[in-house]
């Protein structure tokens, strides 16, 4: 059974990170270290009254006494951004999930990290790790205005093993006009990591593939759904739990997660739209209609698959889940 474990934390500091971002340092409420994590990980943060948002950890995994997240003030907030920027204060107590990671660094001769806007957060953690391991990398950070850049003080210090460049659209260096040379000439066994708005990542990914990159070496993370979670035309199907052999009917207007949680099955659901990975569950049999944004194409075609219970469906009459 999948279980959701929450950790009590305290807001230890709030700092201005660029013109529209706030950095938030979280420490363990009982003192001591927080759980281990790897660069690229994110946490769920319970802000208030069931409001849960996902934020990447920007700090180095070697710093276990705190987690650093960064929140952009959104023009059209769904609640999380407004709460952090207008209500959250130092000393406030929150609950978070243990770190989860669907965006890990893989072995490579060199790394190319491309961040757009608030997408800098997981890539900064990666840069810290690569620098500690003395592995060469390039970090390219795209912003509209230079004063928008988060963590500029840290980036200006530089890294021993990596090259850092901040590109401002106002100065003529938008992603459309400039992308790193390695995207056009991947001759050093590199891995490409992308995080930022969907259009930004699509541009970088398509450019790389057009110039010889294999898709398996391109990794991206997004916290915005790529498609509508449950189209109205979706047919009904059944889900069977392997541990109890209990079967549930999933109607066209329902998600698997909604039906299971309504029946008392413990399912950790955070984003509800297939972008965080908290509800990924192993499929024993059946054909999955994948609609999440966290798994790669190869993972969605693997012999052993996982399904995002909050948004994905079934192409077969019955799905058997490892629950």
Protein backbone atom coordinates (compact mmCIF):
# COMPACT_ATOMS: atom_id res chain seq x y z
CA UNK A 1 0.00 0.00 0.00
CA UNK A 2 1.30 3.46 -0.90
CA UNK A 3 1.53 5.70 2.16
CA UNK A 4 1.89 9.44 2.56
CA UNK A 5 4.23 10.51 5.37
CA UNK A 6 4.31 14.18 6.31
CA UNK A 7 7.18 15.91 8.05
CA UNK A 8 6.73 18.95 10.33
CA UNK A 9 9.00 21.85 9.41
CA UNK A 10 9.44 25.49 10.39
CA UNK A 11 10.06 28.45 8.08
CA UNK A 12 13.56 29.50 9.12
CA UNK A 13 14.08 32.32 6.61
CA UNK A 14 12.46 34.13 3.69
CA UNK A 15 14.66 35.99 1.22
CA UNK A 16 14.03 38.01 -1.90
CA UNK A 17 15.35 36.13 -4.93
CA UNK A 18 15.01 38.36 -7.94
CA UNK A 19 12.18 40.78 -8.55
CA UNK A 20 9.31 38.28 -8.27
CA UNK A 21 10.61 35.32 -6.28
CA UNK A 22 10.93 34.42 -2.61
CA UNK A 23 13.40 31.87 -1.29
CA UNK A 24 12.06 29.92 1.68
CA UNK A 25 14.36 27.95 4.00
CA UNK A 26 12.67 25.07 5.84
CA UNK A 27 14.16 23.34 8.88
CA UNK A 28 13.05 20.29 10.82
CA UNK A 29 10.56 21.31 13.54
CA UNK A 30 12.18 18.95 16.07
CA UNK A 31 15.75 19.93 15.16
CA UNK A 32 18.34 17.78 13.47
CA UNK A 33 18.64 16.80 9.83
CA UNK A 34 15.97 16.45 7.19
CA UNK A 35 15.71 13.30 5.02
CA UNK A 36 18.32 12.63 2.36
CA UNK A 37 17.61 13.66 -1.20
CA UNK A 38 19.32 13.81 -4.56
CA UNK A 39 19.60 16.84 -6.81
CA UNK A 40 16.44 17.29 -8.86
CA UNK A 41 14.12 16.24 -6.03
CA UNK A 42 10.95 18.06 -5.05
CA UNK A 43 8.67 18.12 -2.02
CA UNK A 44 4.97 18.65 -1.46
CA UNK A 45 4.29 21.57 0.88
CA UNK A 46 1.00 21.69 2.78
CA UNK A 47 0.37 25.42 3.07
CA UNK A 48 -3.13 25.64 4.53
CA UNK A 49 -6.54 23.94 4.60
CA UNK A 50 -5.52 21.12 2.26
CA UNK A 51 -3.67 23.42 -0.17
CA UNK A 52 -0.68 21.42 -1.40
CA UNK A 53 1.94 22.63 -3.85
CA UNK A 54 5.09 21.03 -5.25
CA UNK A 55 8.42 22.85 -5.06
CA UNK A 56 11.87 21.70 -6.19
CA UNK A 57 14.68 21.76 -3.64
CA UNK A 58 17.29 24.29 -4.71
CA UNK A 59 19.87 23.65 -2.00
CA UNK A 60 22.70 21.11 -2.12
CA UNK A 61 21.96 17.55 -0.96
CA UNK A 62 25.04 17.80 1.25
CA UNK A 63 23.20 20.45 3.33
CA UNK A 64 20.74 18.37 5.31
CA UNK A 65 19.95 20.91 8.03
CA UNK A 66 17.54 22.76 5.73
CA UNK A 67 15.70 22.62 2.43
CA UNK A 68 15.64 25.72 0.24
CA UNK A 69 12.72 26.24 -2.11
CA UNK A 70 11.84 29.24 -4.27
CA UNK A 71 8.36 30.48 -5.14
CA UNK A 72 7.54 32.87 -7.97
CA UNK A 73 4.67 35.31 -7.59
CA UNK A 74 2.26 34.11 -10.23
CA UNK A 75 0.08 36.55 -12.14
CA UNK A 76 -2.84 34.13 -11.84
CA UNK A 77 -2.21 32.22 -8.62
CA UNK A 78 -4.17 29.11 -7.69
CA UNK A 79 -3.47 29.90 -4.04
CA UNK A 80 0.07 28.71 -3.38
CA UNK A 81 1.95 31.69 -4.75
CA UNK A 82 -0.33 34.21 -3.01
CA UNK A 83 -0.02 32.39 0.30
CA UNK A 84 3.78 32.31 0.22
CA UNK A 85 4.17 35.92 -0.90
CA UNK A 86 1.41 37.51 1.20
CA UNK A 87 0.85 35.34 4.26
CA UNK A 88 3.82 33.08 5.01
CA UNK A 89 6.16 34.35 7.74
CA UNK A 90 9.36 33.23 9.44
CA UNK A 91 8.46 30.89 12.29
CA UNK A 92 5.36 29.46 10.60
CA UNK A 93 4.98 25.70 10.95
CA UNK A 94 4.23 23.65 7.83
CA UNK A 95 4.10 20.05 6.79
CA UNK A 96 6.00 18.60 3.85
CA UNK A 97 6.32 15.25 2.15
CA UNK A 98 9.62 13.36 2.02
CA UNK A 99 11.59 14.31 -1.12
CA UNK A 100 10.68 12.54 -4.36
CA UNK A 101 12.82 12.50 -7.45
CA UNK A 102 11.86 11.87 -11.07
CA UNK A 103 14.61 14.15 -12.37
CA UNK A 104 17.89 12.60 -11.20
CA UNK A 105 21.32 13.23 -12.66
CA UNK A 106 22.64 10.38 -14.77
CA UNK A 107 26.28 9.50 -15.50
CA UNK A 108 27.74 11.61 -18.31
CA UNK A 109 30.95 13.12 -19.61
CA UNK A 110 29.43 16.60 -19.41
CA UNK A 111 26.14 18.20 -18.41
CA UNK A 112 24.13 20.99 -20.00
CA UNK A 113 21.60 22.58 -17.65
CA UNK A 114 19.01 24.94 -19.17
CA UNK A 115 16.71 26.88 -16.85
CA UNK A 116 13.87 29.19 -17.74
CA UNK A 117 12.58 31.47 -14.98
CA UNK A 118 11.77 29.61 -11.76
CA UNK A 119 13.07 26.44 -13.43
CA UNK A 120 16.44 27.37 -11.95
CA UNK A 121 15.54 25.69 -8.64
CA UNK A 122 16.31 22.00 -9.33
CA UNK A 123 19.15 22.92 -11.68
CA UNK A 124 20.90 24.97 -9.00
CA UNK A 125 20.91 21.90 -6.77
CA UNK A 126 22.36 19.90 -9.65
CA UNK A 127 25.06 22.51 -10.19
CA UNK A 128 26.04 22.29 -6.52
CA UNK A 129 26.36 18.50 -6.75
CA UNK A 130 28.31 18.53 -10.01
CA UNK A 131 30.69 21.11 -8.59
CA UNK A 132 31.27 19.03 -5.47
CA UNK A 133 31.98 16.01 -7.67
CA UNK A 134 34.25 18.01 -9.97
CA UNK A 135 32.17 17.16 -13.04
CA UNK A 136 32.10 19.65 -15.94
CA UNK A 137 28.84 21.38 -16.72
CA UNK A 138 27.26 24.42 -18.31
CA UNK A 139 24.34 26.22 -16.66
CA UNK A 140 22.36 28.58 -18.88
CA UNK A 141 19.67 30.59 -17.12
CA UNK A 142 17.09 32.47 -19.21
CA UNK A 143 15.11 35.37 -17.75
CA UNK A 144 13.16 38.27 -19.21
CA UNK A 145 15.03 40.91 -17.19
CA UNK A 146 18.37 40.39 -15.47
CA UNK A 147 16.86 41.59 -12.18
CA UNK A 148 14.36 38.73 -12.42
CA UNK A 149 17.09 36.15 -11.81
CA UNK A 150 16.78 34.14 -8.61
CA UNK A 151 19.89 33.13 -6.65
CA UNK A 152 21.94 35.73 -8.53
CA UNK A 153 24.30 36.22 -5.58
CA UNK A 154 25.11 32.49 -5.53
CA UNK A 155 25.45 32.29 -9.31
CA UNK A 156 27.76 35.29 -9.42
CA UNK A 157 30.20 33.46 -7.13
CA UNK A 158 30.60 30.88 -9.86
CA UNK A 159 31.55 27.21 -9.68
CA UNK A 160 34.93 25.55 -9.99
CA UNK A 161 33.71 22.89 -12.43
CA UNK A 162 30.97 24.71 -14.27
CA UNK A 163 30.34 27.69 -16.52
CA UNK A 164 27.39 29.93 -15.65
CA UNK A 165 25.62 32.29 -18.02
CA UNK A 166 22.50 34.35 -17.37
CA UNK A 167 20.68 35.32 -20.57
CA UNK A 168 18.23 38.23 -20.60
CA UNK A 169 15.59 38.56 -23.31
CA UNK A 170 15.65 42.33 -22.85
CA UNK A 171 19.35 42.25 -23.81
CA UNK A 172 18.63 40.24 -26.97
CA UNK A 173 19.47 36.78 -25.60
CA UNK A 174 16.14 34.99 -25.56
CA UNK A 175 15.95 31.20 -26.10
CA UNK A 176 14.68 31.89 -29.63
CA UNK A 177 17.80 33.86 -30.48
CA UNK A 178 20.45 31.98 -28.52
CA UNK A 179 20.88 28.42 -27.32
CA UNK A 180 24.13 26.80 -26.11
CA UNK A 181 26.54 25.49 -28.72
CA UNK A 182 26.41 21.99 -27.29
CA UNK A 183 22.79 21.69 -28.38
CA UNK A 184 24.01 21.95 -31.97
CA UNK A 185 27.10 19.78 -31.51
CA UNK A 186 26.69 17.06 -28.84
CA UNK A 187 30.20 15.65 -29.17
CA UNK A 188 31.21 15.33 -25.50
CA UNK A 189 28.82 12.59 -24.32
CA UNK A 190 26.58 15.16 -22.60
CA UNK A 191 23.24 14.91 -20.79
CA UNK A 192 20.73 17.74 -21.17
CA UNK A 193 18.50 18.84 -18.29
CA UNK A 194 15.64 21.29 -18.87
CA UNK A 195 13.33 23.02 -16.43
CA UNK A 196 11.06 25.98 -17.10
CA UNK A 197 7.96 26.94 -19.09
CA UNK A 198 6.63 24.35 -21.52
CA UNK A 199 7.39 26.38 -24.64
CA UNK A 200 10.96 26.98 -23.49
CA UNK A 201 11.57 23.28 -22.89
CA UNK A 202 9.94 22.27 -26.17
CA UNK A 203 12.16 24.68 -28.11
CA UNK A 204 15.35 23.42 -26.47
CA UNK A 205 14.36 19.77 -26.78
CA UNK A 206 13.33 20.02 -30.44
CA UNK A 207 16.50 21.93 -31.31
CA UNK A 208 18.66 19.30 -29.63
CA UNK A 209 16.93 16.38 -31.35
CA UNK A 210 17.18 18.10 -34.73
CA UNK A 211 20.95 18.26 -34.23
CA UNK A 212 21.59 14.67 -33.26
CA UNK A 213 20.72 14.33 -29.58
CA UNK A 214 19.06 11.05 -28.67
CA UNK A 215 15.87 11.57 -26.63
CA UNK A 216 17.19 9.34 -23.82
CA UNK A 217 19.82 11.99 -23.02
CA UNK A 218 17.27 14.79 -22.67
CA UNK A 219 15.52 15.15 -19.33
CA UNK A 220 12.94 17.70 -18.26
CA UNK A 221 10.70 18.59 -15.35
CA UNK A 222 7.49 20.54 -15.41
CA UNK A 223 4.83 21.47 -12.87
CA UNK A 224 2.22 22.36 -15.47
CA UNK A 225 0.06 19.65 -17.09
CA UNK A 226 0.65 18.96 -20.77
CA UNK A 227 -2.95 17.98 -21.45
CA UNK A 228 -6.38 17.94 -19.91
CA UNK A 229 -6.45 15.30 -17.20
CA UNK A 230 -9.75 13.52 -18.00
CA UNK A 231 -11.48 14.28 -21.31
CA UNK A 232 -15.27 13.95 -21.23
CA UNK A 233 -15.20 11.23 -23.89
CA UNK A 234 -13.16 8.76 -21.82
CA UNK A 235 -14.88 5.36 -21.41
CA UNK A 236 -15.39 3.65 -18.07
CA UNK A 237 -13.20 0.73 -16.95
CA UNK A 238 -12.39 -1.33 -13.85
CA UNK A 239 -9.43 -1.29 -11.48
CA UNK A 240 -8.58 -4.32 -9.35
CA UNK A 241 -6.27 -4.21 -6.32
CA UNK A 242 -3.89 -7.18 -6.27
CA UNK A 243 -3.61 -7.34 -2.46
CA UNK A 244 -7.33 -7.64 -1.79
CA UNK A 245 -8.74 -8.68 -5.19
CA UNK A 246 -11.33 -5.89 -4.77
CA UNK A 247 -12.55 -4.31 -8.02
CA UNK A 248 -13.65 -0.70 -8.50
CA UNK A 249 -15.61 0.78 -11.40
CA UNK A 250 -14.09 4.01 -12.77
CA UNK A 251 -16.68 6.09 -14.57
CA UNK A 252 -15.83 8.48 -17.42
CA UNK A 253 -16.02 11.56 -15.17
CA UNK A 254 -13.92 10.06 -12.32
CA UNK A 255 -10.21 9.60 -11.74
CA UNK A 256 -8.80 6.37 -10.34
CA UNK A 257 -7.43 8.31 -7.37
CA UNK A 258 -10.81 9.84 -6.56
CA UNK A 259 -12.56 6.47 -6.56
CA UNK A 260 -9.90 4.70 -4.49
CA UNK A 261 -9.51 7.44 -1.90
CA UNK A 262 -13.30 7.68 -1.66
CA UNK A 263 -13.31 3.99 -0.78
CA UNK A 264 -10.73 4.49 1.95
CA UNK A 265 -7.65 3.33 0.01
CA UNK A 266 -4.56 5.31 1.04
CA UNK A 267 -3.29 7.15 -2.06
CA UNK A 268 -0.88 10.12 -1.80
CA UNK A 269 -2.27 12.67 -4.25
CA UNK A 270 -0.78 16.15 -4.46
CA UNK A 271 -1.01 17.93 -7.81
CA UNK A 272 -4.04 16.08 -9.15
CA UNK A 273 -2.99 16.63 -12.78
CA UNK A 274 -0.07 14.25 -13.32
CA UNK A 275 2.91 16.51 -12.87
CA UNK A 276 4.39 15.57 -9.47
CA UNK A 277 4.56 11.76 -9.46
CA UNK A 278 3.29 11.28 -5.92
CA UNK A 279 0.55 8.83 -6.95
CA UNK A 280 2.59 6.73 -9.41
CA UNK A 281 1.63 3.09 -8.82
CA UNK A 282 2.93 -0.12 -10.40
CA UNK A 283 0.64 -1.81 -12.92
CA UNK A 284 0.55 -5.61 -12.81
CA UNK A 285 -1.63 -6.13 -15.87
CA UNK A 286 -3.69 -4.10 -18.31
CA UNK A 287 -2.96 -1.39 -20.89
CA UNK A 288 -2.42 2.12 -19.52
CA UNK A 289 -3.58 5.29 -21.25
CA UNK A 290 -0.74 7.49 -19.92
CA UNK A 291 -1.64 11.16 -19.43
CA UNK A 292 0.97 12.29 -16.94
CA UNK A 293 3.86 14.67 -17.54
CA UNK A 294 6.45 13.10 -15.25
CA UNK A 295 7.33 9.82 -16.93
CA UNK A 296 9.51 9.56 -20.01
CA UNK A 297 8.33 7.97 -23.25
CA UNK A 298 10.54 4.94 -22.54
CA UNK A 299 9.01 4.53 -19.06
CA UNK A 300 5.53 4.69 -20.55
CA UNK A 301 6.47 1.92 -23.00
CA UNK A 302 8.43 -0.29 -20.58
CA UNK A 303 7.45 -3.89 -19.88
CA UNK A 304 6.79 -2.94 -16.24
CA UNK A 305 4.90 0.34 -16.02
CA UNK A 306 3.52 2.74 -13.44
CA UNK A 307 0.34 4.77 -13.70
CA UNK A 308 -0.45 8.23 -12.38
CA UNK A 309 -3.70 7.51 -10.56
CA UNK A 310 -4.79 11.14 -10.55
CA UNK A 311 -5.05 11.57 -14.33
CA UNK A 312 -4.25 8.48 -16.42
CA UNK A 313 -6.84 6.00 -17.70
CA UNK A 314 -7.05 2.46 -19.07
CA UNK A 315 -7.18 1.23 -22.66
CA UNK A 316 -8.17 -2.24 -21.44
CA UNK A 317 -11.38 -3.21 -19.61
CA UNK A 318 -9.45 -3.96 -16.40
CA UNK A 319 -6.26 -2.64 -14.79
CA UNK A 320 -4.65 -4.65 -11.99
CA UNK A 321 -2.63 -2.45 -9.62
CA UNK A 322 0.07 -3.36 -7.13
CA UNK A 323 -2.01 -2.07 -4.21
